Amino acid sequence: MGTEIIQIWNNIINSHMFHYIAHSNIVNFILLFGLIIFLWYKLDVSKKYTRVVGKVKHQIISSDIQKKRSIADLSIAKRGYEMADVDIKKIFDNAKGTIEKTKIALESDLEAIDVKLSDSSQKAVERFKDRLNQTARAEIVNSAVQKAEEKLVKMLEENPQMHKEIITSAINEIDGMNIK
């Protein structure tokens, strides 16, 4: 039986039909398709493909969510932009009012400061004037006392009798005092 199988095998390989099938595109296609299927399972392409498809789906969903958020933010920004002119006008009006109030307050404060300064400066001038008057009076008094002393010394030198009378009078006045 072994020789019969070898005989049949030789007949198949030597046959014209086998040569036709071996060189046919159909066989090449089937062999290539089989090789692709083998590699598909060997390399786990289906799992990798599923994972990549999942990632792409997730990114698409995330992109859609972000798109919706962006559209909502854009509509809010448009409304804000439309209201910005009104808000800016309100801010400027409030600022003008605040500036006017501040201006009025500053002017009244400046007037009060001016009054205080003029009062202070007037008082300072008066104090300076009083000090000058006191200084001048002191100098005049000192000068008068000095002149009187000089005149008295001169008179006493010219009239020694008067000198004795003044000394006696001073002693009498001292005697009449009650010293305790």
N, C-alpha and C. Protein backbone atom coordinates (compact mmCIF):
# COMPACT_ATOMS: atom_id res chain seq x y z
N MET A 1 0.80 -1.17 0.00
CA MET A 1 0.00 0.00 0.00
C MET A 1 0.86 1.25 0.00
N GLY A 2 2.01 1.21 0.60
CA GLY A 2 2.91 2.35 0.60
C GLY A 2 3.38 2.70 -0.79
N THR A 3 3.61 1.68 -1.61
CA THR A 3 4.07 1.96 -2.95
C THR A 3 2.95 2.53 -3.79
N GLU A 4 1.74 2.13 -3.51
CA GLU A 4 0.61 2.65 -4.26
C GLU A 4 0.40 4.13 -3.99
N ILE A 5 0.59 4.54 -2.73
CA ILE A 5 0.41 5.95 -2.36
C ILE A 5 1.50 6.78 -3.05
N ILE A 6 2.69 6.30 -3.07
CA ILE A 6 3.78 7.01 -3.72
C ILE A 6 3.50 7.11 -5.22
N GLN A 7 2.95 6.05 -5.77
CA GLN A 7 2.61 6.05 -7.19
C GLN A 7 1.54 7.10 -7.47
N ILE A 8 0.54 7.19 -6.65
CA ILE A 8 -0.54 8.17 -6.85
C ILE A 8 0.03 9.58 -6.71
N TRP A 9 0.88 9.74 -5.75
CA TRP A 9 1.48 11.07 -5.52
C TRP A 9 2.32 11.49 -6.71
N ASN A 10 3.08 10.64 -7.26
CA ASN A 10 3.89 10.95 -8.44
C ASN A 10 2.99 11.29 -9.62
N ASN A 11 1.90 10.55 -9.77
CA ASN A 11 0.96 10.83 -10.87
C ASN A 11 0.36 12.23 -10.73
N ILE A 12 0.04 12.62 -9.46
CA ILE A 12 -0.57 13.94 -9.23
C ILE A 12 0.45 15.02 -9.56
N ILE A 13 1.65 14.91 -9.06
CA ILE A 13 2.67 15.94 -9.26
C ILE A 13 3.05 16.03 -10.75
N ASN A 14 3.10 14.90 -11.45
CA ASN A 14 3.49 14.91 -12.85
C ASN A 14 2.33 15.26 -13.77
N SER A 15 1.16 15.38 -13.22
CA SER A 15 0.02 15.65 -14.08
C SER A 15 0.02 17.09 -14.52
N HIS A 16 -0.62 17.30 -15.64
CA HIS A 16 -0.72 18.62 -16.23
C HIS A 16 -1.61 19.51 -15.38
N MET A 17 -2.60 18.96 -14.77
CA MET A 17 -3.57 19.67 -13.95
C MET A 17 -2.88 20.29 -12.74
N PHE A 18 -1.95 19.53 -12.14
CA PHE A 18 -1.24 20.03 -10.97
C PHE A 18 -0.39 21.24 -11.34
N HIS A 19 0.26 21.16 -12.49
CA HIS A 19 1.08 22.28 -12.93
C HIS A 19 0.21 23.50 -13.19
N TYR A 20 -0.96 23.30 -13.70
CA TYR A 20 -1.89 24.39 -13.98
C TYR A 20 -2.35 25.04 -12.68
N ILE A 21 -2.72 24.21 -11.69
CA ILE A 21 -3.21 24.74 -10.40
C ILE A 21 -2.08 25.43 -9.65
N ALA A 22 -0.89 24.86 -9.68
CA ALA A 22 0.24 25.43 -8.96
C ALA A 22 0.61 26.79 -9.50
N HIS A 23 0.41 27.02 -10.77
CA HIS A 23 0.76 28.31 -11.37
C HIS A 23 -0.45 29.20 -11.54
N SER A 24 -1.57 28.87 -10.99
CA SER A 24 -2.81 29.63 -11.14
C SER A 24 -2.85 30.76 -10.12
N ASN A 25 -3.53 31.86 -10.46
CA ASN A 25 -3.72 33.01 -9.56
C ASN A 25 -4.62 32.66 -8.38
N ILE A 26 -5.51 31.76 -8.59
CA ILE A 26 -6.43 31.37 -7.53
C ILE A 26 -5.65 30.75 -6.38
N VAL A 27 -4.75 29.88 -6.67
CA VAL A 27 -3.95 29.23 -5.64
C VAL A 27 -3.09 30.27 -4.94
N ASN A 28 -2.48 31.13 -5.71
CA ASN A 28 -1.65 32.20 -5.11
C ASN A 28 -2.50 33.08 -4.19
N PHE A 29 -3.70 33.40 -4.61
CA PHE A 29 -4.60 34.23 -3.80
C PHE A 29 -4.97 33.50 -2.51
N ILE A 30 -5.29 32.19 -2.62
CA ILE A 30 -5.66 31.41 -1.44
C ILE A 30 -4.48 31.31 -0.49
N LEU A 31 -3.28 31.08 -1.02
CA LEU A 31 -2.09 31.02 -0.17
C LEU A 31 -1.83 32.36 0.52
N LEU A 32 -1.94 33.45 -0.20
CA LEU A 32 -1.73 34.79 0.36
C LEU A 32 -2.78 35.08 1.42
N PHE A 33 -4.05 34.73 1.13
CA PHE A 33 -5.13 34.95 2.08
C PHE A 33 -4.89 34.13 3.35
N GLY A 34 -4.46 32.91 3.20
CA GLY A 34 -4.14 32.05 4.35
C GLY A 34 -3.00 32.65 5.16
N LEU A 35 -1.98 33.18 4.49
CA LEU A 35 -0.85 33.80 5.18
C LEU A 35 -1.32 35.03 5.97
N ILE A 36 -2.20 35.83 5.39
CA ILE A 36 -2.73 37.02 6.06
C ILE A 36 -3.51 36.62 7.30
N ILE A 37 -4.36 35.59 7.17
CA ILE A 37 -5.15 35.12 8.32
C ILE A 37 -4.22 34.61 9.41
N PHE A 38 -3.20 33.88 9.02
CA PHE A 38 -2.24 33.36 9.99
C PHE A 38 -1.55 34.50 10.73
N LEU A 39 -1.08 35.50 10.01
CA LEU A 39 -0.41 36.65 10.64
C LEU A 39 -1.40 37.46 11.49
N TRP A 40 -2.64 37.56 11.04
CA TRP A 40 -3.69 38.30 11.78
C TRP A 40 -3.83 37.71 13.18
N TYR A 41 -3.93 36.42 13.27
CA TYR A 41 -4.10 35.77 14.57
C TYR A 41 -2.80 35.71 15.36
N LYS A 42 -1.71 35.53 14.68
CA LYS A 42 -0.41 35.42 15.35
C LYS A 42 0.01 36.75 15.97
N LEU A 43 -0.26 37.86 15.32
CA LEU A 43 0.13 39.18 15.80
C LEU A 43 -0.97 39.86 16.62
N ASP A 44 -2.06 39.21 16.86
CA ASP A 44 -3.21 39.77 17.61
C ASP A 44 -3.66 41.10 17.02
N VAL A 45 -3.76 41.15 15.76
CA VAL A 45 -4.16 42.38 15.07
C VAL A 45 -5.58 42.76 15.45
N SER A 46 -6.44 41.79 15.70
CA SER A 46 -7.83 42.11 16.03
C SER A 46 -7.92 42.87 17.35
N LYS A 47 -7.12 42.47 18.36
CA LYS A 47 -7.13 43.19 19.63
C LYS A 47 -6.58 44.61 19.44
N LYS A 48 -5.49 44.72 18.71
CA LYS A 48 -4.90 46.03 18.46
C LYS A 48 -5.86 46.91 17.68
N TYR A 49 -6.50 46.31 16.71
CA TYR A 49 -7.48 47.05 15.90
C TYR A 49 -8.63 47.52 16.78
N THR A 50 -9.11 46.66 17.66
CA THR A 50 -10.22 47.02 18.55
C THR A 50 -9.79 48.14 19.50
N ARG A 51 -8.57 48.04 20.02
CA ARG A 51 -8.06 49.07 20.92
C ARG A 51 -7.93 50.41 20.20
N VAL A 52 -7.40 50.42 18.99
CA VAL A 52 -7.25 51.66 18.22
C VAL A 52 -8.61 52.24 17.87
N VAL A 53 -9.55 51.36 17.49
CA VAL A 53 -10.91 51.82 17.16
C VAL A 53 -11.55 52.45 18.41
N GLY A 54 -11.34 51.84 19.58
CA GLY A 54 -11.87 52.38 20.83
C GLY A 54 -11.30 53.75 21.14
N LYS A 55 -9.98 53.89 20.94
CA LYS A 55 -9.34 55.19 21.18
C LYS A 55 -9.89 56.25 20.24
N VAL A 56 -10.04 55.89 18.99
CA VAL A 56 -10.56 56.85 18.01
C VAL A 56 -11.99 57.25 18.37
N LYS A 57 -12.82 56.26 18.77
CA LYS A 57 -14.19 56.57 19.18
C LYS A 57 -14.20 57.51 20.38
N HIS A 58 -13.32 57.22 21.37
CA HIS A 58 -13.23 58.06 22.56
C HIS A 58 -12.81 59.49 22.19
N GLN A 59 -11.85 59.61 21.30
CA GLN A 59 -11.41 60.94 20.87
C GLN A 59 -12.51 61.69 20.13
N ILE A 60 -13.29 60.95 19.34
CA ILE A 60 -14.41 61.57 18.62
C ILE A 60 -15.45 62.08 19.61
N ILE A 61 -15.76 61.24 20.61
CA ILE A 61 -16.74 61.64 21.63
C ILE A 61 -16.21 62.85 22.41
N SER A 62 -14.93 62.81 22.81
CA SER A 62 -14.34 63.94 23.53
C SER A 62 -14.36 65.19 22.68
N SER A 63 -14.08 65.03 21.42
CA SER A 63 -14.10 66.17 20.49
C SER A 63 -15.50 66.76 20.38
N ASP A 64 -16.50 65.89 20.31
CA ASP A 64 -17.89 66.38 20.25
C ASP A 64 -18.26 67.13 21.52
N ILE A 65 -17.87 66.59 22.67
CA ILE A 65 -18.16 67.27 23.95
C ILE A 65 -17.46 68.63 23.99
N GLN A 66 -16.20 68.65 23.59
CA GLN A 66 -15.44 69.91 23.59
C GLN A 66 -16.05 70.90 22.60
N LYS A 67 -16.53 70.39 21.49
CA LYS A 67 -17.17 71.27 20.50
C LYS A 67 -18.41 71.91 21.11
N LYS A 68 -19.23 71.12 21.82
CA LYS A 68 -20.43 71.65 22.46
C LYS A 68 -20.06 72.70 23.50
N ARG A 69 -19.02 72.42 24.30
CA ARG A 69 -18.56 73.40 25.30
C ARG A 69 -18.09 74.68 24.62
N SER A 70 -17.35 74.53 23.56
CA SER A 70 -16.83 75.69 22.85
C SER A 70 -17.96 76.54 22.27
N ILE A 71 -18.97 75.86 21.74
CA ILE A 71 -20.13 76.59 21.20
C ILE A 71 -20.84 77.34 22.32
N ALA A 72 -21.00 76.69 23.48
CA ALA A 72 -21.64 77.34 24.62
C ALA A 72 -20.80 78.53 25.09
N ASP A 73 -19.47 78.35 25.18
CA ASP A 73 -18.59 79.44 25.59
C ASP A 73 -18.64 80.59 24.59
N LEU A 74 -18.71 80.25 23.31
CA LEU A 74 -18.78 81.28 22.28
C LEU A 74 -20.07 82.07 22.40
N SER A 75 -21.18 81.40 22.66
CA SER A 75 -22.44 82.13 22.79
C SER A 75 -22.41 83.03 24.03
N ILE A 76 -21.80 82.55 25.11
CA ILE A 76 -21.66 83.38 26.31
C ILE A 76 -20.77 84.59 26.00
N ALA A 77 -19.68 84.34 25.29
CA ALA A 77 -18.77 85.44 24.93
C ALA A 77 -19.45 86.45 24.03
N LYS A 78 -20.29 85.96 23.09
CA LYS A 78 -21.02 86.89 22.21
C LYS A 78 -21.96 87.76 23.03
N ARG A 79 -22.68 87.13 23.97
CA ARG A 79 -23.59 87.91 24.82
C ARG A 79 -22.80 88.91 25.66
N GLY A 80 -21.65 88.46 26.17
CA GLY A 80 -20.79 89.35 26.95
C GLY A 80 -20.27 90.50 26.11
N TYR A 81 -19.91 90.21 24.88
CA TYR A 81 -19.41 91.25 23.98
C TYR A 81 -20.52 92.25 23.67
N GLU A 82 -21.73 91.73 23.48
CA GLU A 82 -22.86 92.62 23.20
C GLU A 82 -23.15 93.51 24.40
N MET A 83 -22.96 92.98 25.61
CA MET A 83 -23.24 93.75 26.82
C MET A 83 -22.04 94.61 27.24
N ALA A 84 -20.89 94.38 26.63
CA ALA A 84 -19.67 95.10 27.03
C ALA A 84 -19.81 96.60 26.84
N ASP A 85 -20.42 97.02 25.74
CA ASP A 85 -20.58 98.46 25.51
C ASP A 85 -21.41 99.10 26.62
N VAL A 86 -22.48 98.43 27.00
CA VAL A 86 -23.34 98.96 28.07
C VAL A 86 -22.56 98.98 29.38
N ASP A 87 -21.85 97.89 29.66
CA ASP A 87 -21.08 97.82 30.90
C ASP A 87 -19.98 98.87 30.93
N ILE A 88 -19.30 99.06 29.82
CA ILE A 88 -18.24 100.07 29.75
C ILE A 88 -18.82 101.46 29.98
N LYS A 89 -19.98 101.74 29.39
CA LYS A 89 -20.63 103.04 29.58
C LYS A 89 -20.98 103.23 31.05
N LYS A 90 -21.51 102.17 31.70
CA LYS A 90 -21.84 102.26 33.12
C LYS A 90 -20.59 102.53 33.95
N ILE A 91 -19.51 101.83 33.60
CA ILE A 91 -18.26 102.02 34.34
C ILE A 91 -17.77 103.45 34.19
N PHE A 92 -17.81 103.98 32.96
CA PHE A 92 -17.36 105.35 32.74
C PHE A 92 -18.26 106.34 33.47
N ASP A 93 -19.58 106.10 33.46
CA ASP A 93 -20.50 106.99 34.17
C ASP A 93 -20.21 106.96 35.67
N ASN A 94 -20.01 105.76 36.20
CA ASN A 94 -19.68 105.64 37.62
C ASN A 94 -18.35 106.33 37.93
N ALA A 95 -17.39 106.15 37.03
CA ALA A 95 -16.08 106.78 37.23
C ALA A 95 -16.21 108.30 37.20
N LYS A 96 -17.01 108.83 36.28
CA LYS A 96 -17.20 110.28 36.22
C LYS A 96 -17.82 110.79 37.51
N GLY A 97 -18.84 110.07 38.00
CA GLY A 97 -19.48 110.46 39.26
C GLY A 97 -18.49 110.43 40.41
N THR A 98 -17.69 109.39 40.46
CA THR A 98 -16.70 109.26 41.53
C THR A 98 -15.66 110.38 41.42
N ILE A 99 -15.26 110.68 40.21
CA ILE A 99 -14.27 111.75 40.00
C ILE A 99 -14.85 113.09 40.45
N GLU A 100 -16.10 113.36 40.11
CA GLU A 100 -16.73 114.61 40.52
C GLU A 100 -16.82 114.71 42.03
N LYS A 101 -17.26 113.61 42.67
CA LYS A 101 -17.35 113.61 44.14
C LYS A 101 -15.98 113.83 44.76
N THR A 102 -14.98 113.14 44.21
CA THR A 102 -13.63 113.29 44.73
C THR A 102 -13.12 114.71 44.53
N LYS A 103 -13.42 115.29 43.39
CA LYS A 103 -13.00 116.66 43.08
C LYS A 103 -13.61 117.63 44.09
N ILE A 104 -14.92 117.48 44.35
CA ILE A 104 -15.60 118.36 45.29
C ILE A 104 -15.00 118.19 46.69
N ALA A 105 -14.79 116.94 47.09
CA ALA A 105 -14.21 116.68 48.41
C ALA A 105 -12.81 117.27 48.51
N LEU A 106 -12.00 117.11 47.47
CA LEU A 106 -10.64 117.65 47.47
C LEU A 106 -10.66 119.18 47.53
N GLU A 107 -11.58 119.79 46.77
CA GLU A 107 -11.65 121.25 46.80
C GLU A 107 -12.02 121.75 48.19
N SER A 108 -13.00 121.10 48.84
CA SER A 108 -13.37 121.54 50.19
C SER A 108 -12.22 121.29 51.16
N ASP A 109 -11.54 120.15 50.99
CA ASP A 109 -10.38 119.88 51.86
C ASP A 109 -9.28 120.91 51.63
N LEU A 110 -9.05 121.27 50.37
CA LEU A 110 -8.02 122.26 50.06
C LEU A 110 -8.38 123.62 50.64
N GLU A 111 -9.67 123.98 50.58
CA GLU A 111 -10.10 125.24 51.16
C GLU A 111 -9.86 125.24 52.67
N ALA A 112 -10.20 124.11 53.31
CA ALA A 112 -9.99 124.01 54.75
C ALA A 112 -8.50 124.07 55.07
N ILE A 113 -7.69 123.40 54.29
CA ILE A 113 -6.25 123.44 54.50
C ILE A 113 -5.72 124.84 54.27
N ASP A 114 -6.24 125.52 53.25
CA ASP A 114 -5.81 126.90 52.97
C ASP A 114 -6.15 127.82 54.13
N VAL A 115 -7.37 127.65 54.67
CA VAL A 115 -7.77 128.46 55.82
C VAL A 115 -6.86 128.17 57.01
N LYS A 116 -6.61 126.87 57.25
CA LYS A 116 -5.73 126.50 58.37
C LYS A 116 -4.33 127.06 58.17
N LEU A 117 -3.83 126.95 56.92
CA LEU A 117 -2.49 127.47 56.63
C LEU A 117 -2.43 128.97 56.80
N SER A 118 -3.46 129.65 56.31
CA SER A 118 -3.44 131.12 56.44
C SER A 118 -3.54 131.50 57.90
N ASP A 119 -4.40 130.77 58.69
CA ASP A 119 -4.47 131.03 60.13
C ASP A 119 -3.14 130.74 60.79
N SER A 120 -2.55 129.60 60.43
CA SER A 120 -1.26 129.22 61.01
C SER A 120 -0.18 130.22 60.64
N SER A 121 -0.16 130.62 59.39
CA SER A 121 0.87 131.57 58.98
C SER A 121 0.65 132.92 59.64
N GLN A 122 -0.62 133.33 59.79
CA GLN A 122 -0.92 134.60 60.48
C GLN A 122 -0.47 134.52 61.93
N LYS A 123 -0.77 133.38 62.57
CA LYS A 123 -0.36 133.21 63.96
C LYS A 123 1.16 133.18 64.07
N ALA A 124 1.81 132.52 63.11
CA ALA A 124 3.27 132.46 63.14
C ALA A 124 3.86 133.85 62.97
N VAL A 125 3.27 134.65 62.09
CA VAL A 125 3.75 136.02 61.89
C VAL A 125 3.55 136.82 63.17
N GLU A 126 2.39 136.65 63.80
CA GLU A 126 2.13 137.38 65.04
C GLU A 126 3.11 136.96 66.14
N ARG A 127 3.38 135.64 66.25
CA ARG A 127 4.34 135.18 67.25
C ARG A 127 5.72 135.75 66.97
N PHE A 128 6.11 135.76 65.70
CA PHE A 128 7.41 136.31 65.34
C PHE A 128 7.47 137.80 65.68
N LYS A 129 6.38 138.48 65.38
CA LYS A 129 6.29 139.91 65.67
C LYS A 129 6.40 140.16 67.18
N ASP A 130 5.68 139.32 67.97
CA ASP A 130 5.76 139.45 69.43
C ASP A 130 7.18 139.21 69.91
N ARG A 131 7.85 138.18 69.38
CA ARG A 131 9.23 137.91 69.79
C ARG A 131 10.15 139.07 69.43
N LEU A 132 9.93 139.65 68.25
CA LEU A 132 10.75 140.80 67.85
C LEU A 132 10.50 141.98 68.79
N ASN A 133 9.21 142.19 69.12
CA ASN A 133 8.89 143.30 70.04
C ASN A 133 9.54 143.07 71.40
N GLN A 134 9.45 141.82 71.90
CA GLN A 134 10.05 141.52 73.20
C GLN A 134 11.56 141.71 73.14
N THR A 135 12.16 141.25 72.06
CA THR A 135 13.61 141.40 71.92
C THR A 135 13.98 142.88 71.85
N ALA A 136 13.19 143.62 71.05
CA ALA A 136 13.48 145.06 70.92
C ALA A 136 13.29 145.77 72.26
N ARG A 137 12.22 145.45 72.97
CA ARG A 137 11.99 146.07 74.28
C ARG A 137 13.12 145.73 75.24
N ALA A 138 13.54 144.46 75.24
CA ALA A 138 14.63 144.06 76.13
C ALA A 138 15.89 144.84 75.81
N GLU A 139 16.17 145.00 74.52
CA GLU A 139 17.37 145.76 74.13
C GLU A 139 17.24 147.24 74.55
N ILE A 140 16.02 147.76 74.36
CA ILE A 140 15.79 149.17 74.73
C ILE A 140 15.95 149.33 76.24
N VAL A 141 15.35 148.41 77.01
CA VAL A 141 15.45 148.49 78.47
C VAL A 141 16.90 148.35 78.90
N ASN A 142 17.60 147.37 78.33
CA ASN A 142 19.02 147.19 78.67
C ASN A 142 19.83 148.43 78.34
N SER A 143 19.53 148.97 77.18
CA SER A 143 20.24 150.18 76.77
C SER A 143 19.91 151.35 77.71
N ALA A 144 18.63 151.46 78.09
CA ALA A 144 18.23 152.55 78.99
C ALA A 144 18.87 152.38 80.36
N VAL A 145 18.87 151.12 80.85
CA VAL A 145 19.50 150.87 82.15
C VAL A 145 20.98 151.19 82.09
N GLN A 146 21.62 150.80 81.01
CA GLN A 146 23.05 151.06 80.86
C GLN A 146 23.32 152.57 80.83
N LYS A 147 22.48 153.29 80.07
CA LYS A 147 22.66 154.74 79.99
C LYS A 147 22.41 155.38 81.36
N ALA A 148 21.35 154.88 82.04
CA ALA A 148 21.05 155.44 83.37
C ALA A 148 22.20 155.17 84.33
N GLU A 149 22.76 153.96 84.24
CA GLU A 149 23.89 153.61 85.09
C GLU A 149 25.08 154.51 84.82
N GLU A 150 25.35 154.68 83.53
CA GLU A 150 26.47 155.54 83.16
C GLU A 150 26.25 156.97 83.68
N LYS A 151 25.02 157.47 83.53
CA LYS A 151 24.68 158.83 83.97
C LYS A 151 24.79 158.92 85.49
N LEU A 152 24.30 157.89 86.19
CA LEU A 152 24.34 157.88 87.65
C LEU A 152 25.78 157.84 88.13
N VAL A 153 26.60 156.99 87.52
CA VAL A 153 28.02 156.90 87.89
C VAL A 153 28.68 158.25 87.67
N LYS A 154 28.37 158.88 86.56
CA LYS A 154 28.96 160.19 86.25
C LYS A 154 28.52 161.23 87.28
N MET A 155 27.20 161.19 87.61
CA MET A 155 26.69 162.16 88.58
C MET A 155 27.32 161.92 89.95
N LEU A 156 27.48 160.65 90.34
CA LEU A 156 28.05 160.35 91.63
C LEU A 156 29.52 160.72 91.68
N GLU A 157 30.20 160.60 90.60
CA GLU A 157 31.61 161.00 90.54
C GLU A 157 31.73 162.51 90.66
N GLU A 158 30.80 163.21 90.06
CA GLU A 158 30.84 164.67 90.11
C GLU A 158 30.37 165.19 91.48
N ASN A 159 29.47 164.47 92.11
CA ASN A 159 28.93 164.93 93.38
C ASN A 159 29.04 163.81 94.41
N PRO A 160 30.16 163.72 95.19
CA PRO A 160 30.34 162.66 96.15
C PRO A 160 29.35 162.77 97.31
N GLN A 161 28.87 163.95 97.63
CA GLN A 161 27.91 164.13 98.72
C GLN A 161 26.62 163.39 98.39
N MET A 162 26.19 163.47 97.17
CA MET A 162 24.96 162.78 96.73
C MET A 162 25.14 161.28 96.91
N HIS A 163 26.35 160.80 96.69
CA HIS A 163 26.64 159.38 96.83
C HIS A 163 26.42 158.96 98.27
N LYS A 164 26.87 159.74 99.21
CA LYS A 164 26.70 159.43 100.62
C LYS A 164 25.23 159.47 100.99
N GLU A 165 24.46 160.43 100.47
CA GLU A 165 23.04 160.55 100.78
C GLU A 165 22.27 159.33 100.26
N ILE A 166 22.60 158.87 99.13
CA ILE A 166 21.92 157.69 98.54
C ILE A 166 22.21 156.46 99.39
N ILE A 167 23.43 156.29 99.83
CA ILE A 167 23.80 155.13 100.64
C ILE A 167 23.05 155.20 101.97
N THR A 168 22.99 156.38 102.58
CA THR A 168 22.31 156.55 103.87
C THR A 168 20.82 156.28 103.69
N SER A 169 20.22 156.76 102.67
CA SER A 169 18.81 156.55 102.40
C SER A 169 18.51 155.07 102.20
N ALA A 170 19.36 154.35 101.50
CA ALA A 170 19.16 152.93 101.27
C ALA A 170 19.26 152.15 102.57
N ILE A 171 20.20 152.55 103.45
CA ILE A 171 20.38 151.87 104.72
C ILE A 171 19.14 152.10 105.58
N ASN A 172 18.62 153.30 105.59
CA ASN A 172 17.40 153.62 106.36
C ASN A 172 16.20 152.81 105.85
N GLU A 173 16.08 152.67 104.60
CA GLU A 173 14.97 151.90 104.05
C GLU A 173 15.08 150.44 104.42
N ILE A 174 16.31 149.93 104.46
CA ILE A 174 16.53 148.54 104.82
C ILE A 174 16.21 148.36 106.30
N ASP A 175 16.56 149.33 107.11
CA ASP A 175 16.28 149.24 108.54
C ASP A 175 14.77 149.24 108.81
N GLY A 176 14.02 149.93 108.00
CA GLY A 176 12.60 150.01 108.20
C GLY A 176 11.85 148.76 107.74
N MET A 177 12.49 147.90 107.07
CA MET A 177 11.84 146.69 106.57
C MET A 177 11.78 145.63 107.66
N ASN A 178 10.71 144.85 107.58
CA ASN A 178 10.56 143.73 108.51
C ASN A 178 11.05 142.47 107.79
N ILE A 179 12.19 142.03 108.18
CA ILE A 179 12.77 140.84 107.55
C ILE A 179 12.59 139.70 108.53
N LYS A 180 12.05 138.66 108.13
CA LYS A 180 11.80 137.52 108.97
C LYS A 180 12.69 136.38 108.60
